[in-house]
Amino acid sequence: MVSTSDTDAPRARVSGARSGPLGRLGRLGRLARELVLLELALYRSLARWLARRPDVPAGTTAIGYARQVTPLLWLWTFAASIETVVIEVVLRTIDTGWSEAIRLPLLVLGVWGALWMLGMIAAHRVRPHLLAADRLRIRSGARTWVEVPLDRVATVRPAEHELPGLVTTLHVDGDLVLVGVSSRTNVEIGLDGPTTLRTSAGEVTASRVALWVDEPRELVARRLGDPGRTVG
């Protein structure tokens, strides 16, 4: 989920100035496309997880961020699976036409929901942040990413921020870009002035980037802005 701050609202209205049925249809079409792409990305992540093939290209170092959110995702997955089983058992005991008519659709929906949640768990595990020789690719889940060029990094420090909403993973607030996990960040990267960054939502200009990592002290100790540091 991507959001922008109130300071970006006028620009958002201008870019989406087309109103009426055609404008609404276009927005629905873009939303449907994003949902389909998310679904496919979750299934790819699940396949990688089962095959034990994390998405970590050669020459990059993985930096994890899934430790805190994984137990919560497992809890949701377990609860959804139990709910599916209970509904199936109850509907099988009800000998009526309507119960039989809705039993299979609800079962399919429950299985799909469990697979979706497993895909979310997998995405957090197989798509870590990536530290390369010239950039840090910050990730969150199956689709969200921001690339930070290391030659623009000035400071790296522990700092906590919260993103609006429970499912927001990318948020722009003035000169600050936040890439959250469970709507939180714990490290802030200061850039050497306003910098145009490539993100999963398009280019943005920022002076700071915040992210969540499992080991914030280790990331700070890597001295990302130091030309003499080594990857690994």
C-alpha atoms as a PDB file:
ATOM      1  CA  MET A   1       0.000   0.000   0.000  1.00  0.00           C
ATOM      2  CA  VAL A   2       1.415   3.402  -0.954  1.00  0.00           C
ATOM      3  CA  SER A   3       0.423   6.747   0.482  1.00  0.00           C
ATOM      4  CA  THR A   4       1.586  10.346   0.277  1.00  0.00           C
ATOM      5  CA  SER A   5       1.398  13.147   2.788  1.00  0.00           C
ATOM      6  CA  ASP A   6      -0.998  16.079   2.638  1.00  0.00           C
ATOM      7  CA  THR A   7       1.736  18.179   1.026  1.00  0.00           C
ATOM      8  CA  ASP A   8       1.462  15.993  -2.061  1.00  0.00           C
ATOM      9  CA  ALA A   9      -2.334  16.097  -2.238  1.00  0.00           C
ATOM     10  CA  PRO A  10      -2.631  19.018  -4.725  1.00  0.00           C
ATOM     11  CA  ARG A  11      -0.277  17.316  -7.154  1.00  0.00           C
ATOM     12  CA  ALA A  12      -2.223  14.079  -6.774  1.00  0.00           C
ATOM     13  CA  ARG A  13      -5.441  15.885  -7.613  1.00  0.00           C
ATOM     14  CA  VAL A  14      -3.885  17.495 -10.684  1.00  0.00           C
ATOM     15  CA  SER A  15      -2.529  14.228 -12.007  1.00  0.00           C
ATOM     16  CA  GLY A  16      -5.943  12.642 -11.455  1.00  0.00           C
ATOM     17  CA  ALA A  17      -7.955  15.617 -12.590  1.00  0.00           C
ATOM     18  CA  ARG A  18     -10.035  13.623 -15.036  1.00  0.00           C
ATOM     19  CA  SER A  19     -13.347  13.014 -13.285  1.00  0.00           C
ATOM     20  CA  GLY A  20     -16.608  11.353 -14.140  1.00  0.00           C
ATOM     21  CA  PRO A  21     -17.232   7.759 -15.221  1.00  0.00           C
ATOM     22  CA  LEU A  22     -14.083   7.539 -17.369  1.00  0.00           C
ATOM     23  CA  GLY A  23     -11.875   8.758 -14.521  1.00  0.00           C
ATOM     24  CA  ARG A  24     -13.406   6.323 -12.054  1.00  0.00           C
ATOM     25  CA  LEU A  25     -13.094   3.500 -14.569  1.00  0.00           C
ATOM     26  CA  GLY A  26      -9.426   4.322 -15.072  1.00  0.00           C
ATOM     27  CA  ARG A  27      -8.754   4.291 -11.337  1.00  0.00           C
ATOM     28  CA  LEU A  28     -10.554   0.970 -10.961  1.00  0.00           C
ATOM     29  CA  GLY A  29      -8.510  -0.424 -13.833  1.00  0.00           C
ATOM     30  CA  ARG A  30      -5.229   0.652 -12.216  1.00  0.00           C
ATOM     31  CA  LEU A  31      -6.330  -0.785  -8.883  1.00  0.00           C
ATOM     32  CA  ALA A  32      -7.278  -4.098 -10.510  1.00  0.00           C
ATOM     33  CA  ARG A  33      -3.903  -4.227 -12.263  1.00  0.00           C
ATOM     34  CA  GLU A  34      -2.034  -3.615  -9.018  1.00  0.00           C
ATOM     35  CA  LEU A  35      -4.031  -6.324  -7.246  1.00  0.00           C
ATOM     36  CA  VAL A  36      -3.269  -8.842  -9.991  1.00  0.00           C
ATOM     37  CA  LEU A  37       0.443  -7.965  -9.935  1.00  0.00           C
ATOM     38  CA  LEU A  38       0.481  -8.286  -6.139  1.00  0.00           C
ATOM     39  CA  GLU A  39      -1.206 -11.673  -6.346  1.00  0.00           C
ATOM     40  CA  LEU A  40       1.347 -12.941  -8.867  1.00  0.00           C
ATOM     41  CA  ALA A  41       4.228 -11.547  -6.807  1.00  0.00           C
ATOM     42  CA  LEU A  42       2.964 -13.357  -3.700  1.00  0.00           C
ATOM     43  CA  TYR A  43       2.797 -16.675  -5.551  1.00  0.00           C
ATOM     44  CA  ARG A  44       6.328 -16.155  -6.944  1.00  0.00           C
ATOM     45  CA  SER A  45       7.571 -15.459  -3.424  1.00  0.00           C
ATOM     46  CA  LEU A  46       5.834 -18.574  -2.127  1.00  0.00           C
ATOM     47  CA  ALA A  47       7.461 -20.680  -4.867  1.00  0.00           C
ATOM     48  CA  ARG A  48      10.887 -19.224  -4.022  1.00  0.00           C
ATOM     49  CA  TRP A  49      10.340 -19.915  -0.338  1.00  0.00           C
ATOM     50  CA  LEU A  50       9.388 -23.535  -0.939  1.00  0.00           C
ATOM     51  CA  ALA A  51      12.383 -23.963  -3.259  1.00  0.00           C
ATOM     52  CA  ARG A  52      14.650 -22.166  -0.744  1.00  0.00           C
ATOM     53  CA  ARG A  53      15.764 -19.678  -3.387  1.00  0.00           C
ATOM     54  CA  PRO A  54      15.688 -16.187  -1.862  1.00  0.00           C
ATOM     55  CA  ASP A  55      15.732 -13.251  -4.256  1.00  0.00           C
ATOM     56  CA  VAL A  56      19.297 -12.189  -3.485  1.00  0.00           C
ATOM     57  CA  PRO A  57      21.363 -11.583  -6.644  1.00  0.00           C
ATOM     58  CA  ALA A  58      25.083 -12.362  -6.706  1.00  0.00           C
ATOM     59  CA  GLY A  59      27.223  -9.507  -5.446  1.00  0.00           C
ATOM     60  CA  THR A  60      24.645  -8.252  -2.950  1.00  0.00           C
ATOM     61  CA  THR A  61      24.240  -8.727   0.787  1.00  0.00           C
ATOM     62  CA  ALA A  62      20.840  -9.581   2.287  1.00  0.00           C
ATOM     63  CA  ILE A  63      19.629  -7.479   5.218  1.00  0.00           C
ATOM     64  CA  GLY A  64      16.623  -8.994   6.945  1.00  0.00           C
ATOM     65  CA  TYR A  65      13.531  -7.213   8.198  1.00  0.00           C
ATOM     66  CA  ALA A  66      10.986 -10.031   8.725  1.00  0.00           C
ATOM     67  CA  ARG A  67      11.737 -11.088  12.303  1.00  0.00           C
ATOM     68  CA  GLN A  68       9.114  -8.931  14.015  1.00  0.00           C
ATOM     69  CA  VAL A  69       6.237  -9.322  11.556  1.00  0.00           C
ATOM     70  CA  THR A  70       6.555 -13.066  10.836  1.00  0.00           C
ATOM     71  CA  PRO A  71       4.935 -14.328  14.093  1.00  0.00           C
ATOM     72  CA  LEU A  72       1.961 -12.007  13.537  1.00  0.00           C
ATOM     73  CA  LEU A  73       1.529 -13.222   9.954  1.00  0.00           C
ATOM     74  CA  TRP A  74       1.687 -16.834  11.119  1.00  0.00           C
ATOM     75  CA  LEU A  75      -0.978 -16.083  13.729  1.00  0.00           C
ATOM     76  CA  TRP A  76      -3.273 -14.588  11.085  1.00  0.00           C
ATOM     77  CA  THR A  77      -2.664 -17.558   8.796  1.00  0.00           C
ATOM     78  CA  PHE A  78      -3.431 -20.048  11.564  1.00  0.00           C
ATOM     79  CA  ALA A  79      -6.600 -18.203  12.581  1.00  0.00           C
ATOM     80  CA  ALA A  80      -7.842 -18.022   8.979  1.00  0.00           C
ATOM     81  CA  SER A  81      -7.169 -21.745   8.472  1.00  0.00           C
ATOM     82  CA  ILE A  82      -9.039 -22.700  11.653  1.00  0.00           C
ATOM     83  CA  GLU A  83     -11.957 -20.510  10.584  1.00  0.00           C
ATOM     84  CA  THR A  84     -12.095 -22.254   7.197  1.00  0.00           C
ATOM     85  CA  VAL A  85     -12.136 -25.704   8.807  1.00  0.00           C
ATOM     86  CA  VAL A  86     -14.836 -24.737  11.339  1.00  0.00           C
ATOM     87  CA  ILE A  87     -17.098 -23.249   8.646  1.00  0.00           C
ATOM     88  CA  GLU A  88     -16.642 -26.353   6.486  1.00  0.00           C
ATOM     89  CA  VAL A  89     -17.561 -28.686   9.351  1.00  0.00           C
ATOM     90  CA  VAL A  90     -20.592 -26.624  10.373  1.00  0.00           C
ATOM     91  CA  LEU A  91     -21.957 -26.370   6.833  1.00  0.00           C
ATOM     92  CA  ARG A  92     -21.541 -30.113   6.310  1.00  0.00           C
ATOM     93  CA  THR A  93     -23.750 -30.759   9.337  1.00  0.00           C
ATOM     94  CA  ILE A  94     -26.537 -28.515   8.017  1.00  0.00           C
ATOM     95  CA  ASP A  95     -28.677 -30.513   5.616  1.00  0.00           C
ATOM     96  CA  THR A  96     -30.168 -27.694   3.563  1.00  0.00           C
ATOM     97  CA  GLY A  97     -29.875 -26.540  -0.014  1.00  0.00           C
ATOM     98  CA  TRP A  98     -28.417 -23.143   0.825  1.00  0.00           C
ATOM     99  CA  SER A  99     -25.644 -24.583   2.997  1.00  0.00           C
ATOM    100  CA  GLU A 100     -24.501 -26.856   0.180  1.00  0.00           C
ATOM    101  CA  ALA A 101     -24.646 -23.955  -2.273  1.00  0.00           C
ATOM    102  CA  ILE A 102     -22.279 -21.768  -0.255  1.00  0.00           C
ATOM    103  CA  ARG A 103     -20.027 -24.491   1.172  1.00  0.00           C
ATOM    104  CA  LEU A 104     -17.711 -24.887  -1.812  1.00  0.00           C
ATOM    105  CA  PRO A 105     -17.314 -21.137  -2.529  1.00  0.00           C
ATOM    106  CA  LEU A 106     -16.462 -20.495   1.125  1.00  0.00           C
ATOM    107  CA  LEU A 107     -13.985 -23.371   1.128  1.00  0.00           C
ATOM    108  CA  VAL A 108     -12.267 -22.041  -1.987  1.00  0.00           C
ATOM    109  CA  LEU A 109     -12.199 -18.554  -0.485  1.00  0.00           C
ATOM    110  CA  GLY A 110     -10.681 -19.880   2.741  1.00  0.00           C
ATOM    111  CA  VAL A 111      -7.949 -21.833   0.929  1.00  0.00           C
ATOM    112  CA  TRP A 112      -7.174 -18.807  -1.239  1.00  0.00           C
ATOM    113  CA  GLY A 113      -6.896 -16.620   1.880  1.00  0.00           C
ATOM    114  CA  ALA A 114      -4.492 -19.050   3.537  1.00  0.00           C
ATOM    115  CA  LEU A 115      -2.317 -19.181   0.406  1.00  0.00           C
ATOM    116  CA  TRP A 116      -2.353 -15.377   0.238  1.00  0.00           C
ATOM    117  CA  MET A 117      -1.135 -15.113   3.822  1.00  0.00           C
ATOM    118  CA  LEU A 118       1.568 -17.735   3.205  1.00  0.00           C
ATOM    119  CA  GLY A 119       2.642 -15.669   0.211  1.00  0.00           C
ATOM    120  CA  MET A 120       2.939 -12.620   2.470  1.00  0.00           C
ATOM    121  CA  ILE A 121       5.136 -14.549   4.901  1.00  0.00           C
ATOM    122  CA  ALA A 122       7.248 -15.828   2.020  1.00  0.00           C
ATOM    123  CA  ALA A 123       7.650 -12.362   0.488  1.00  0.00           C
ATOM    124  CA  HIS A 124       9.062 -10.988   3.736  1.00  0.00           C
ATOM    125  CA  ARG A 125      11.498 -13.899   3.956  1.00  0.00           C
ATOM    126  CA  VAL A 126      12.745 -14.213   0.372  1.00  0.00           C
ATOM    127  CA  ARG A 127      12.859 -10.484  -0.490  1.00  0.00           C
ATOM    128  CA  PRO A 128      15.227  -8.903   2.070  1.00  0.00           C
ATOM    129  CA  HIS A 129      16.864  -5.502   1.660  1.00  0.00           C
ATOM    130  CA  LEU A 130      19.817  -5.714  -0.734  1.00  0.00           C
ATOM    131  CA  LEU A 131      23.147  -3.974  -0.151  1.00  0.00           C
ATOM    132  CA  ALA A 132      25.201  -3.693  -3.345  1.00  0.00           C
ATOM    133  CA  ALA A 133      28.459  -1.906  -4.072  1.00  0.00           C
ATOM    134  CA  ASP A 134      26.734   1.289  -5.171  1.00  0.00           C
ATOM    135  CA  ARG A 135      23.223   1.226  -3.740  1.00  0.00           C
ATOM    136  CA  LEU A 136      20.893  -0.036  -1.051  1.00  0.00           C
ATOM    137  CA  ARG A 137      17.631  -1.502  -2.327  1.00  0.00           C
ATOM    138  CA  ILE A 138      15.099  -1.231   0.483  1.00  0.00           C
ATOM    139  CA  ARG A 139      12.178  -3.648   0.295  1.00  0.00           C
ATOM    140  CA  SER A 140       8.958  -4.434   2.094  1.00  0.00           C
ATOM    141  CA  GLY A 141       6.855  -7.459   1.179  1.00  0.00           C
ATOM    142  CA  ALA A 142       6.155  -8.570  -2.356  1.00  0.00           C
ATOM    143  CA  ARG A 143       6.122  -5.305  -4.331  1.00  0.00           C
ATOM    144  CA  THR A 144       7.462  -2.315  -2.398  1.00  0.00           C
ATOM    145  CA  TRP A 145      11.030  -1.088  -2.938  1.00  0.00           C
ATOM    146  CA  VAL A 146      13.163   2.064  -2.851  1.00  0.00           C
ATOM    147  CA  GLU A 147      16.713   2.394  -4.200  1.00  0.00           C
ATOM    148  CA  VAL A 148      19.180   4.602  -2.318  1.00  0.00           C
ATOM    149  CA  PRO A 149      22.495   5.460  -4.057  1.00  0.00           C
ATOM    150  CA  LEU A 150      25.276   5.021  -1.514  1.00  0.00           C
ATOM    151  CA  ASP A 151      27.263   7.993  -2.816  1.00  0.00           C
ATOM    152  CA  ARG A 152      24.431  10.229  -1.580  1.00  0.00           C
ATOM    153  CA  VAL A 153      24.316   8.797   1.953  1.00  0.00           C
ATOM    154  CA  ALA A 154      25.470  11.263   4.603  1.00  0.00           C
ATOM    155  CA  THR A 155      24.270   9.700   7.872  1.00  0.00           C
ATOM    156  CA  VAL A 156      22.719   6.475   9.155  1.00  0.00           C
ATOM    157  CA  ARG A 157      21.169   6.486  12.625  1.00  0.00           C
ATOM    158  CA  PRO A 158      18.596   4.602  14.689  1.00  0.00           C
ATOM    159  CA  ALA A 159      15.299   6.480  14.589  1.00  0.00           C
ATOM    160  CA  GLU A 160      11.719   5.293  14.872  1.00  0.00           C
ATOM    161  CA  HIS A 161       8.855   6.505  12.694  1.00  0.00           C
ATOM    162  CA  GLU A 162       5.288   5.306  12.197  1.00  0.00           C
ATOM    163  CA  LEU A 163       3.454   5.140   8.882  1.00  0.00           C
ATOM    164  CA  PRO A 164      -0.247   6.014   8.676  1.00  0.00           C
ATOM    165  CA  GLY A 165      -2.564   2.999   8.497  1.00  0.00           C
ATOM    166  CA  LEU A 166      -1.980  -0.650   9.287  1.00  0.00           C
ATOM    167  CA  VAL A 167      -1.109  -1.866   5.787  1.00  0.00           C
ATOM    168  CA  THR A 168       0.889   1.077   4.428  1.00  0.00           C
ATOM    169  CA  THR A 169       4.402   0.067   3.348  1.00  0.00           C
ATOM    170  CA  LEU A 170       5.559   3.155   1.399  1.00  0.00           C
ATOM    171  CA  HIS A 171       4.783   6.673   2.553  1.00  0.00           C
ATOM    172  CA  VAL A 172       6.153  10.069   1.499  1.00  0.00           C
ATOM    173  CA  ASP A 173       6.034  12.833   4.105  1.00  0.00           C
ATOM    174  CA  GLY A 174       7.691  15.991   2.832  1.00  0.00           C
ATOM    175  CA  ASP A 175      11.404  15.225   2.369  1.00  0.00           C
ATOM    176  CA  LEU A 176      11.105  11.861   4.163  1.00  0.00           C
ATOM    177  CA  VAL A 177      10.408   8.518   2.455  1.00  0.00           C
ATOM    178  CA  LEU A 178       9.301   5.755   4.808  1.00  0.00           C
ATOM    179  CA  VAL A 179       9.437   2.062   3.901  1.00  0.00           C
ATOM    180  CA  GLY A 180       7.725   0.334   6.780  1.00  0.00           C
ATOM    181  CA  VAL A 181       7.169  -3.128   8.174  1.00  0.00           C
ATOM    182  CA  SER A 182       4.007  -3.313  10.276  1.00  0.00           C
ATOM    183  CA  SER A 183       3.784   0.441   9.613  1.00  0.00           C
ATOM    184  CA  ARG A 184       7.024   1.134  11.502  1.00  0.00           C
ATOM    185  CA  THR A 185      10.654   2.007  10.780  1.00  0.00           C
ATOM    186  CA  ASN A 186      13.704   1.950  13.079  1.00  0.00           C
ATOM    187  CA  VAL A 187      16.583   3.347  10.971  1.00  0.00           C
ATOM    188  CA  GLU A 188      16.837   6.693   9.209  1.00  0.00           C
ATOM    189  CA  ILE A 189      19.262   7.373   6.339  1.00  0.00           C
ATOM    190  CA  GLY A 190      20.156  11.009   5.795  1.00  0.00           C
ATOM    191  CA  LEU A 191      21.081  11.986   2.242  1.00  0.00           C
ATOM    192  CA  ASP A 192      23.467  14.676   1.054  1.00  0.00           C
ATOM    193  CA  GLY A 193      20.675  17.007   0.004  1.00  0.00           C
ATOM    194  CA  PRO A 194      17.472  16.403  -1.983  1.00  0.00           C
ATOM    195  CA  THR A 195      17.903  13.280  -4.126  1.00  0.00           C
ATOM    196  CA  THR A 196      15.699  11.715  -6.773  1.00  0.00           C
ATOM    197  CA  LEU A 197      15.037   8.117  -5.763  1.00  0.00           C
ATOM    198  CA  ARG A 198      13.619   5.266  -7.804  1.00  0.00           C
ATOM    199  CA  THR A 199      10.748   3.506  -6.042  1.00  0.00           C
ATOM    200  CA  SER A 200       8.057   0.948  -6.795  1.00  0.00           C
ATOM    201  CA  ALA A 201       5.604   3.876  -7.008  1.00  0.00           C
ATOM    202  CA  GLY A 202       7.745   5.984  -9.361  1.00  0.00           C
ATOM    203  CA  GLU A 203      10.434   8.577  -8.766  1.00  0.00           C
ATOM    204  CA  VAL A 204      10.345  10.733  -5.624  1.00  0.00           C
ATOM    205  CA  THR A 205      12.650  13.441  -4.301  1.00  0.00           C
ATOM    206  CA  ALA A 206      13.732  13.143  -0.682  1.00  0.00           C
ATOM    207  CA  SER A 207      16.482  14.075   1.761  1.00  0.00           C
ATOM    208  CA  ARG A 208      15.831  11.233   4.216  1.00  0.00           C
ATOM    209  CA  VAL A 209      14.798   7.589   3.944  1.00  0.00           C
ATOM    210  CA  ALA A 210      13.525   5.488   6.846  1.00  0.00           C
ATOM    211  CA  LEU A 211      13.302   1.703   6.901  1.00  0.00           C
ATOM    212  CA  TRP A 212      12.896  -1.258   9.240  1.00  0.00           C
ATOM    213  CA  VAL A 213      15.683  -3.799   9.770  1.00  0.00           C
ATOM    214  CA  ASP A 214      16.057  -6.699  12.184  1.00  0.00           C
ATOM    215  CA  GLU A 215      19.445  -5.436  13.409  1.00  0.00           C
ATOM    216  CA  PRO A 216      19.551  -1.627  13.258  1.00  0.00           C
ATOM    217  CA  ARG A 217      22.924  -1.364  15.012  1.00  0.00           C
ATOM    218  CA  GLU A 218      24.539  -3.601  12.411  1.00  0.00           C
ATOM    219  CA  LEU A 219      23.254  -1.447   9.573  1.00  0.00           C
ATOM    220  CA  VAL A 220      24.519   1.700  11.275  1.00  0.00           C
ATOM    221  CA  ALA A 221      27.917   0.036  11.779  1.00  0.00           C
ATOM    222  CA  ARG A 222      28.247  -0.686   8.052  1.00  0.00           C
ATOM    223  CA  ARG A 223      28.974   3.027   7.386  1.00  0.00           C
ATOM    224  CA  LEU A 224      26.978   3.070   4.146  1.00  0.00           C
ATOM    225  CA  GLY A 225      28.241   6.497   3.142  1.00  0.00           C
ATOM    226  CA  ASP A 226      31.929   5.564   3.580  1.00  0.00           C
ATOM    227  CA  PRO A 227      33.616   4.859   0.202  1.00  0.00           C
ATOM    228  CA  GLY A 228      36.045   2.521   1.969  1.00  0.00           C
ATOM    229  CA  ARG A 229      33.390   0.122   3.288  1.00  0.00           C
ATOM    230  CA  THR A 230      33.015  -3.389   1.877  1.00  0.00           C
ATOM    231  CA  VAL A 231      29.863  -5.283   0.959  1.00  0.00           C
ATOM    232  CA  GLY A 232      29.236  -8.389   3.025  1.00  0.00           C
END
